[in-house]
Structures are given as structure tokens and as C-alpha cells.
Amino acid sequence: MLTPHTQSVPRGAVLDAWSGSEWENGIQIDRMCELTTVAVRTARSLYEITILNGHTGEVLVRGGGFFPERTPVQLTGSTFGGSILKRRGIYVGMRLEFVPQPAELVSETVYDATTGQSEIRAGHRVIWTSLIQSVEVVS
């Protein structure tokens, strides 16, 4: 007999809630002027982000443990930690996703004990911040 299993997920991880959101608690860098600087406070750090090209996500970032000085990265957007990404967005309650430049390809082999098969997964190295608490346009 199967036992019922309940799993809770953040409301923002549900596609209907995601697509129906008003998106008022943050900004879209692809709608901002070049060289605009944004201050983003997360649960653990303060990040200073200067937009170089909002449409491609090219920014300079300083802050947190990974970026002690201004560093060129691609800001891909914000996420709740799953596979859904708000491209080029910075929103309170989510995590920022950065791809260091030049992009570094990483791969891993995942073994499935049930099937006995291995799968190679490849992608770019990604850095996530802790949860965003506030977003402020500085200049």
C-alpha cells in the first residue's frame, strides 16, 4: 500500500503564482540605463551592482565572499532556488544568480543506482546569493 506524501513548495515556485505575479518588489536591469548602480542587501551581504549592459546581463559586482572587488559577471536573474528564473530581475525574497566571466564550463557524472546508468551533466559555474532583503537604485 502506498503512503500519501505531501511536499510543500514556496508559492513562487508554482508556475501559476509565478506568471500571475505583479513583480512590484524589485527591478529589471534590462529596463535600466547603463552605468546605473544598484545596492542589493541579502541575508548575509551587501552587493553593489553596476549595470554595463542590462540586455545581456553584463554587470560589475562587489560584495559577498566571492566578489571582494568589482568583478565582471553576468547577472542571469533571480530564482527561488529551482529551475525557474526571472531573467535579468532582482527581486526581494529570491536569490541572485551570477555567472562569472569568462564563463567556466563544469560537468559532473551522476550515477542512478535504480537503473545502473550514469549521466553526464554539463553547465556553467553559477554563484547564488542568500535571500534578497532589499533593492535600491543608488545612481
N, C-alpha and C. Protein backbone atom coordinates (compact mmCIF):
# COMPACT_ATOMS: atom_id res chain seq x y z
N MET A 1 0.84 -1.18 0.00
CA MET A 1 0.00 0.00 0.00
C MET A 1 0.89 1.25 0.00
N LEU A 2 0.58 2.20 -0.86
CA LEU A 2 1.33 3.44 -0.94
C LEU A 2 0.88 4.40 0.14
N THR A 3 1.84 5.06 0.74
CA THR A 3 1.55 6.06 1.75
C THR A 3 1.48 7.42 1.08
N PRO A 4 0.43 8.20 1.34
CA PRO A 4 0.36 9.54 0.73
C PRO A 4 1.56 10.38 1.17
N HIS A 5 2.05 11.16 0.27
CA HIS A 5 3.20 12.00 0.55
C HIS A 5 2.86 13.44 0.17
N THR A 6 3.07 14.35 1.08
CA THR A 6 2.82 15.76 0.82
C THR A 6 4.14 16.49 0.84
N GLN A 7 4.35 17.32 -0.16
CA GLN A 7 5.57 18.12 -0.22
C GLN A 7 5.17 19.56 -0.39
N SER A 8 5.71 20.43 0.46
CA SER A 8 5.39 21.84 0.32
C SER A 8 6.48 22.53 -0.49
N VAL A 9 6.06 23.49 -1.30
CA VAL A 9 6.98 24.27 -2.11
C VAL A 9 6.62 25.74 -1.93
N PRO A 10 7.61 26.64 -2.07
CA PRO A 10 7.28 28.07 -1.96
C PRO A 10 6.25 28.46 -3.01
N ARG A 11 5.36 29.37 -2.65
CA ARG A 11 4.31 29.80 -3.57
C ARG A 11 4.90 30.26 -4.91
N GLY A 12 6.04 30.95 -4.87
CA GLY A 12 6.66 31.46 -6.07
C GLY A 12 7.20 30.37 -6.98
N ALA A 13 7.32 29.13 -6.47
CA ALA A 13 7.81 28.03 -7.28
C ALA A 13 6.69 27.38 -8.09
N VAL A 14 5.46 27.79 -7.86
CA VAL A 14 4.32 27.27 -8.60
C VAL A 14 4.12 28.16 -9.83
N LEU A 15 4.08 27.56 -11.00
CA LEU A 15 4.06 28.32 -12.25
C LEU A 15 2.91 29.32 -12.32
N ASP A 16 1.70 28.96 -11.88
CA ASP A 16 0.58 29.90 -11.93
C ASP A 16 0.83 31.12 -11.06
N ALA A 17 1.41 30.92 -9.87
CA ALA A 17 1.72 32.05 -8.98
C ALA A 17 2.82 32.90 -9.60
N TRP A 18 3.78 32.25 -10.22
CA TRP A 18 4.91 32.94 -10.85
C TRP A 18 4.43 33.83 -11.99
N SER A 19 3.66 33.27 -12.90
CA SER A 19 3.23 34.04 -14.07
C SER A 19 2.19 35.10 -13.72
N GLY A 20 1.45 34.91 -12.64
CA GLY A 20 0.43 35.87 -12.25
C GLY A 20 0.92 36.96 -11.33
N SER A 21 2.20 36.92 -10.96
CA SER A 21 2.75 37.91 -10.03
C SER A 21 2.81 39.30 -10.66
N GLU A 22 2.64 40.32 -9.83
CA GLU A 22 2.72 41.71 -10.29
C GLU A 22 4.16 42.18 -10.44
N TRP A 23 5.12 41.50 -9.81
CA TRP A 23 6.54 41.84 -9.89
C TRP A 23 6.81 43.29 -9.52
N GLU A 24 6.32 43.69 -8.36
CA GLU A 24 6.49 45.07 -7.90
C GLU A 24 7.60 45.22 -6.87
N ASN A 25 8.16 44.12 -6.39
CA ASN A 25 9.10 44.17 -5.28
C ASN A 25 10.54 43.97 -5.75
N GLY A 26 10.91 44.68 -6.83
CA GLY A 26 12.25 44.56 -7.36
C GLY A 26 12.41 45.35 -8.64
N ILE A 27 13.46 45.00 -9.40
CA ILE A 27 13.76 45.74 -10.64
C ILE A 27 14.18 44.78 -11.74
N GLN A 28 14.11 45.26 -12.96
CA GLN A 28 14.60 44.55 -14.14
C GLN A 28 15.79 45.34 -14.67
N ILE A 29 16.99 44.76 -14.70
CA ILE A 29 18.15 45.52 -15.15
C ILE A 29 18.11 45.77 -16.65
N ASP A 30 17.34 44.97 -17.40
CA ASP A 30 17.25 45.20 -18.84
C ASP A 30 16.37 46.41 -19.18
N ARG A 31 15.78 47.03 -18.17
CA ARG A 31 14.98 48.24 -18.36
C ARG A 31 15.67 49.48 -17.78
N MET A 32 16.94 49.31 -17.37
CA MET A 32 17.67 50.39 -16.72
C MET A 32 18.81 50.89 -17.60
N CYS A 33 19.24 52.12 -17.36
CA CYS A 33 20.33 52.72 -18.13
C CYS A 33 21.67 52.11 -17.75
N GLU A 34 22.57 52.08 -18.73
CA GLU A 34 23.93 51.62 -18.46
C GLU A 34 24.57 52.52 -17.41
N LEU A 35 25.45 51.93 -16.61
CA LEU A 35 26.20 52.57 -15.53
C LEU A 35 25.34 52.95 -14.34
N THR A 36 24.09 52.49 -14.30
CA THR A 36 23.27 52.64 -13.11
C THR A 36 23.82 51.69 -12.05
N THR A 37 23.90 52.16 -10.81
CA THR A 37 24.39 51.33 -9.71
C THR A 37 23.22 50.99 -8.79
N VAL A 38 23.17 49.72 -8.40
CA VAL A 38 22.10 49.21 -7.55
C VAL A 38 22.72 48.59 -6.30
N ALA A 39 22.15 48.88 -5.14
CA ALA A 39 22.57 48.26 -3.89
C ALA A 39 21.58 47.15 -3.55
N VAL A 40 22.08 45.95 -3.37
CA VAL A 40 21.24 44.80 -3.06
C VAL A 40 21.70 44.21 -1.73
N ARG A 41 20.82 44.24 -0.74
CA ARG A 41 21.13 43.65 0.57
C ARG A 41 20.51 42.26 0.61
N THR A 42 21.34 41.28 0.94
CA THR A 42 20.85 39.92 1.13
C THR A 42 20.90 39.59 2.62
N ALA A 43 20.55 38.38 2.97
CA ALA A 43 20.57 37.96 4.37
C ALA A 43 21.99 38.00 4.95
N ARG A 44 23.03 37.89 4.08
CA ARG A 44 24.40 37.82 4.57
C ARG A 44 25.33 38.93 4.07
N SER A 45 24.94 39.66 3.03
CA SER A 45 25.89 40.59 2.42
C SER A 45 25.19 41.79 1.81
N LEU A 46 26.01 42.78 1.44
CA LEU A 46 25.56 43.92 0.66
C LEU A 46 26.33 43.87 -0.66
N TYR A 47 25.61 43.90 -1.78
CA TYR A 47 26.22 43.86 -3.10
C TYR A 47 26.00 45.20 -3.79
N GLU A 48 27.06 45.69 -4.44
CA GLU A 48 26.98 46.88 -5.28
C GLU A 48 27.07 46.38 -6.72
N ILE A 49 26.04 46.62 -7.49
CA ILE A 49 25.97 46.12 -8.86
C ILE A 49 25.87 47.30 -9.82
N THR A 50 26.83 47.40 -10.73
CA THR A 50 26.82 48.45 -11.75
C THR A 50 26.49 47.80 -13.09
N ILE A 51 25.44 48.30 -13.72
CA ILE A 51 24.95 47.72 -14.98
C ILE A 51 25.82 48.20 -16.14
N LEU A 52 26.40 47.26 -16.86
CA LEU A 52 27.15 47.58 -18.07
C LEU A 52 26.28 47.43 -19.30
N ASN A 53 25.53 46.33 -19.35
CA ASN A 53 24.59 46.08 -20.45
C ASN A 53 23.44 45.26 -19.88
N GLY A 54 22.34 45.91 -19.59
CA GLY A 54 21.20 45.24 -18.96
C GLY A 54 20.57 44.17 -19.81
N HIS A 55 20.63 44.31 -21.13
CA HIS A 55 20.00 43.33 -22.03
C HIS A 55 20.76 42.01 -22.06
N THR A 56 22.08 42.06 -21.88
CA THR A 56 22.87 40.82 -21.85
C THR A 56 23.17 40.37 -20.43
N GLY A 57 22.89 41.23 -19.44
CA GLY A 57 23.14 40.88 -18.04
C GLY A 57 24.55 41.18 -17.58
N GLU A 58 25.34 41.86 -18.42
CA GLU A 58 26.72 42.18 -18.04
C GLU A 58 26.73 43.27 -16.98
N VAL A 59 27.34 42.95 -15.84
CA VAL A 59 27.43 43.89 -14.73
C VAL A 59 28.79 43.78 -14.07
N LEU A 60 29.11 44.78 -13.25
CA LEU A 60 30.22 44.70 -12.32
C LEU A 60 29.61 44.52 -10.95
N VAL A 61 30.12 43.58 -10.17
CA VAL A 61 29.56 43.34 -8.85
C VAL A 61 30.68 43.36 -7.81
N ARG A 62 30.35 43.93 -6.63
CA ARG A 62 31.27 43.92 -5.50
C ARG A 62 30.44 43.59 -4.26
N GLY A 63 30.96 42.66 -3.45
CA GLY A 63 30.27 42.30 -2.22
C GLY A 63 30.24 40.80 -2.01
N GLY A 64 29.87 40.39 -0.81
CA GLY A 64 29.82 38.97 -0.50
C GLY A 64 31.20 38.35 -0.48
N GLY A 65 31.27 37.06 -0.26
CA GLY A 65 32.54 36.36 -0.18
C GLY A 65 33.22 36.12 -1.51
N PHE A 66 32.48 36.13 -2.60
CA PHE A 66 33.05 35.85 -3.90
C PHE A 66 33.57 37.09 -4.64
N PHE A 67 33.09 38.26 -4.26
CA PHE A 67 33.41 39.47 -5.02
C PHE A 67 33.94 40.59 -4.10
N PRO A 68 35.16 40.45 -3.57
CA PRO A 68 35.70 41.48 -2.68
C PRO A 68 36.02 42.78 -3.43
N GLU A 69 36.21 42.71 -4.74
CA GLU A 69 36.42 43.91 -5.55
C GLU A 69 35.51 43.82 -6.77
N ARG A 70 35.35 44.94 -7.47
CA ARG A 70 34.46 44.95 -8.64
C ARG A 70 34.91 43.86 -9.63
N THR A 71 33.96 43.01 -9.96
CA THR A 71 34.25 41.85 -10.80
C THR A 71 33.22 41.76 -11.92
N PRO A 72 33.67 41.56 -13.17
CA PRO A 72 32.70 41.39 -14.27
C PRO A 72 32.03 40.02 -14.19
N VAL A 73 30.70 40.03 -14.21
CA VAL A 73 29.90 38.80 -14.19
C VAL A 73 28.69 39.01 -15.08
N GLN A 74 27.97 37.93 -15.33
CA GLN A 74 26.68 38.04 -15.98
C GLN A 74 25.63 37.79 -14.91
N LEU A 75 24.73 38.74 -14.73
CA LEU A 75 23.62 38.56 -13.80
C LEU A 75 22.51 37.91 -14.62
N THR A 76 22.29 36.62 -14.38
CA THR A 76 21.27 35.93 -15.18
C THR A 76 19.88 36.24 -14.68
N GLY A 77 19.73 36.51 -13.38
CA GLY A 77 18.43 36.87 -12.84
C GLY A 77 18.25 36.42 -11.41
N SER A 78 17.00 36.22 -11.00
CA SER A 78 16.66 35.81 -9.65
C SER A 78 15.87 34.51 -9.68
N THR A 79 16.05 33.72 -8.62
CA THR A 79 15.41 32.41 -8.55
C THR A 79 15.01 32.11 -7.10
N PHE A 80 14.06 31.22 -6.95
CA PHE A 80 13.71 30.71 -5.62
C PHE A 80 14.56 29.49 -5.29
N GLY A 81 15.49 29.14 -6.16
CA GLY A 81 16.36 28.00 -5.93
C GLY A 81 16.04 26.82 -6.82
N GLY A 82 14.98 26.92 -7.59
CA GLY A 82 14.61 25.84 -8.51
C GLY A 82 15.06 26.16 -9.92
N SER A 83 14.35 25.61 -10.87
CA SER A 83 14.75 25.80 -12.27
C SER A 83 14.07 27.01 -12.92
N ILE A 84 13.17 27.68 -12.23
CA ILE A 84 12.51 28.85 -12.79
C ILE A 84 13.35 30.08 -12.46
N LEU A 85 13.63 30.89 -13.48
CA LEU A 85 14.49 32.05 -13.33
C LEU A 85 13.77 33.29 -13.84
N LYS A 86 13.75 34.35 -13.06
CA LYS A 86 13.22 35.65 -13.51
C LYS A 86 14.41 36.36 -14.15
N ARG A 87 14.53 36.20 -15.49
CA ARG A 87 15.70 36.71 -16.23
C ARG A 87 15.89 38.20 -16.04
N ARG A 88 17.14 38.56 -15.73
CA ARG A 88 17.59 39.94 -15.58
C ARG A 88 16.87 40.68 -14.46
N GLY A 89 16.21 39.94 -13.56
CA GLY A 89 15.48 40.56 -12.46
C GLY A 89 16.19 40.44 -11.13
N ILE A 90 15.95 41.41 -10.25
CA ILE A 90 16.45 41.40 -8.88
C ILE A 90 15.23 41.63 -8.00
N TYR A 91 14.78 40.58 -7.28
CA TYR A 91 13.53 40.66 -6.52
C TYR A 91 13.69 40.19 -5.09
N VAL A 92 13.10 40.94 -4.16
CA VAL A 92 13.13 40.62 -2.74
C VAL A 92 12.53 39.23 -2.52
N GLY A 93 13.19 38.45 -1.66
CA GLY A 93 12.73 37.10 -1.33
C GLY A 93 13.31 36.02 -2.22
N MET A 94 14.06 36.44 -3.23
CA MET A 94 14.68 35.47 -4.15
C MET A 94 16.19 35.52 -3.98
N ARG A 95 16.92 34.71 -4.75
CA ARG A 95 18.38 34.70 -4.74
C ARG A 95 18.89 35.17 -6.10
N LEU A 96 19.93 36.00 -6.09
CA LEU A 96 20.57 36.41 -7.33
C LEU A 96 21.40 35.26 -7.88
N GLU A 97 21.44 35.16 -9.19
CA GLU A 97 22.24 34.14 -9.86
C GLU A 97 23.25 34.84 -10.77
N PHE A 98 24.55 34.62 -10.48
CA PHE A 98 25.64 35.20 -11.25
C PHE A 98 26.41 34.10 -11.97
N VAL A 99 26.87 34.39 -13.19
CA VAL A 99 27.79 33.51 -13.91
C VAL A 99 29.10 34.29 -14.06
N PRO A 100 30.18 33.84 -13.38
CA PRO A 100 31.47 34.54 -13.51
C PRO A 100 31.92 34.58 -14.97
N GLN A 101 32.65 35.65 -15.33
CA GLN A 101 33.14 35.81 -16.70
C GLN A 101 34.66 35.72 -16.72
N PRO A 102 35.27 35.06 -17.65
CA PRO A 102 34.60 34.29 -18.70
C PRO A 102 33.91 33.08 -18.10
N ALA A 103 32.82 32.66 -18.73
CA ALA A 103 32.02 31.55 -18.21
C ALA A 103 32.87 30.28 -18.14
N GLU A 104 32.80 29.60 -17.02
CA GLU A 104 33.57 28.38 -16.79
C GLU A 104 32.63 27.18 -16.90
N LEU A 105 32.92 26.29 -17.84
CA LEU A 105 32.09 25.11 -18.02
C LEU A 105 32.45 24.08 -16.96
N VAL A 106 31.45 23.54 -16.30
CA VAL A 106 31.65 22.49 -15.30
C VAL A 106 30.78 21.30 -15.66
N SER A 107 31.24 20.12 -15.30
CA SER A 107 30.44 18.92 -15.57
C SER A 107 30.54 17.98 -14.38
N GLU A 108 29.57 17.10 -14.29
CA GLU A 108 29.57 16.08 -13.25
C GLU A 108 28.92 14.83 -13.80
N THR A 109 29.33 13.69 -13.27
CA THR A 109 28.72 12.43 -13.65
C THR A 109 27.81 12.01 -12.50
N VAL A 110 26.54 11.76 -12.83
CA VAL A 110 25.56 11.37 -11.83
C VAL A 110 25.18 9.92 -12.07
N TYR A 111 25.32 9.11 -11.04
CA TYR A 111 25.01 7.68 -11.14
C TYR A 111 23.64 7.43 -10.54
N ASP A 112 22.76 6.75 -11.29
CA ASP A 112 21.42 6.39 -10.82
C ASP A 112 21.47 4.94 -10.38
N ALA A 113 21.42 4.70 -9.07
CA ALA A 113 21.52 3.34 -8.53
C ALA A 113 20.34 2.47 -8.95
N THR A 114 19.19 3.07 -9.21
CA THR A 114 18.00 2.32 -9.60
C THR A 114 18.16 1.70 -10.99
N THR A 115 18.66 2.49 -11.93
CA THR A 115 18.80 2.00 -13.31
C THR A 115 20.20 1.47 -13.61
N GLY A 116 21.17 1.84 -12.77
CA GLY A 116 22.54 1.41 -13.02
C GLY A 116 23.22 2.22 -14.12
N GLN A 117 22.62 3.34 -14.50
CA GLN A 117 23.18 4.16 -15.58
C GLN A 117 23.79 5.44 -15.03
N SER A 118 24.77 5.94 -15.75
CA SER A 118 25.39 7.21 -15.41
C SER A 118 24.99 8.25 -16.44
N GLU A 119 24.89 9.47 -15.98
CA GLU A 119 24.53 10.59 -16.86
C GLU A 119 25.54 11.71 -16.64
N ILE A 120 26.02 12.29 -17.71
CA ILE A 120 26.93 13.42 -17.60
C ILE A 120 26.10 14.70 -17.73
N ARG A 121 26.24 15.58 -16.74
CA ARG A 121 25.55 16.87 -16.76
C ARG A 121 26.59 17.96 -16.90
N ALA A 122 26.35 18.90 -17.80
CA ALA A 122 27.28 19.99 -18.03
C ALA A 122 26.55 21.32 -17.95
N GLY A 123 27.25 22.34 -17.55
CA GLY A 123 26.68 23.67 -17.47
C GLY A 123 27.75 24.66 -17.07
N HIS A 124 27.34 25.88 -16.79
CA HIS A 124 28.26 26.93 -16.37
C HIS A 124 28.33 26.97 -14.86
N ARG A 125 29.47 27.40 -14.35
CA ARG A 125 29.60 27.63 -12.91
C ARG A 125 28.70 28.79 -12.55
N VAL A 126 27.89 28.61 -11.52
CA VAL A 126 26.92 29.63 -11.11
C VAL A 126 27.14 29.94 -9.63
N ILE A 127 27.00 31.20 -9.27
CA ILE A 127 27.08 31.64 -7.87
C ILE A 127 25.72 32.21 -7.49
N TRP A 128 25.15 31.71 -6.39
CA TRP A 128 23.87 32.22 -5.88
C TRP A 128 24.11 32.99 -4.61
N THR A 129 23.36 34.06 -4.40
CA THR A 129 23.43 34.82 -3.15
C THR A 129 22.45 34.23 -2.15
N SER A 130 22.52 34.69 -0.93
CA SER A 130 21.47 34.37 0.03
C SER A 130 20.24 35.20 -0.34
N LEU A 131 19.16 35.03 0.38
CA LEU A 131 17.89 35.69 0.02
C LEU A 131 18.02 37.21 0.01
N ILE A 132 17.47 37.82 -1.03
CA ILE A 132 17.48 39.28 -1.18
C ILE A 132 16.49 39.87 -0.19
N GLN A 133 16.96 40.87 0.56
CA GLN A 133 16.11 41.55 1.53
C GLN A 133 15.66 42.93 1.04
N SER A 134 16.53 43.60 0.26
CA SER A 134 16.15 44.92 -0.26
C SER A 134 16.93 45.23 -1.52
N VAL A 135 16.33 46.09 -2.37
CA VAL A 135 16.93 46.54 -3.63
C VAL A 135 16.75 48.05 -3.69
N GLU A 136 17.85 48.77 -3.97
CA GLU A 136 17.78 50.23 -4.04
C GLU A 136 18.66 50.73 -5.18
N VAL A 137 18.10 51.57 -6.04
CA VAL A 137 18.87 52.20 -7.10
C VAL A 137 19.65 53.35 -6.45
N VAL A 138 20.99 53.31 -6.59
CA VAL A 138 21.85 54.29 -5.94
C VAL A 138 22.12 55.47 -6.88
N SER A 139 22.42 55.17 -8.14
CA SER A 139 22.70 56.25 -9.11
C SER A 139 22.28 55.86 -10.49
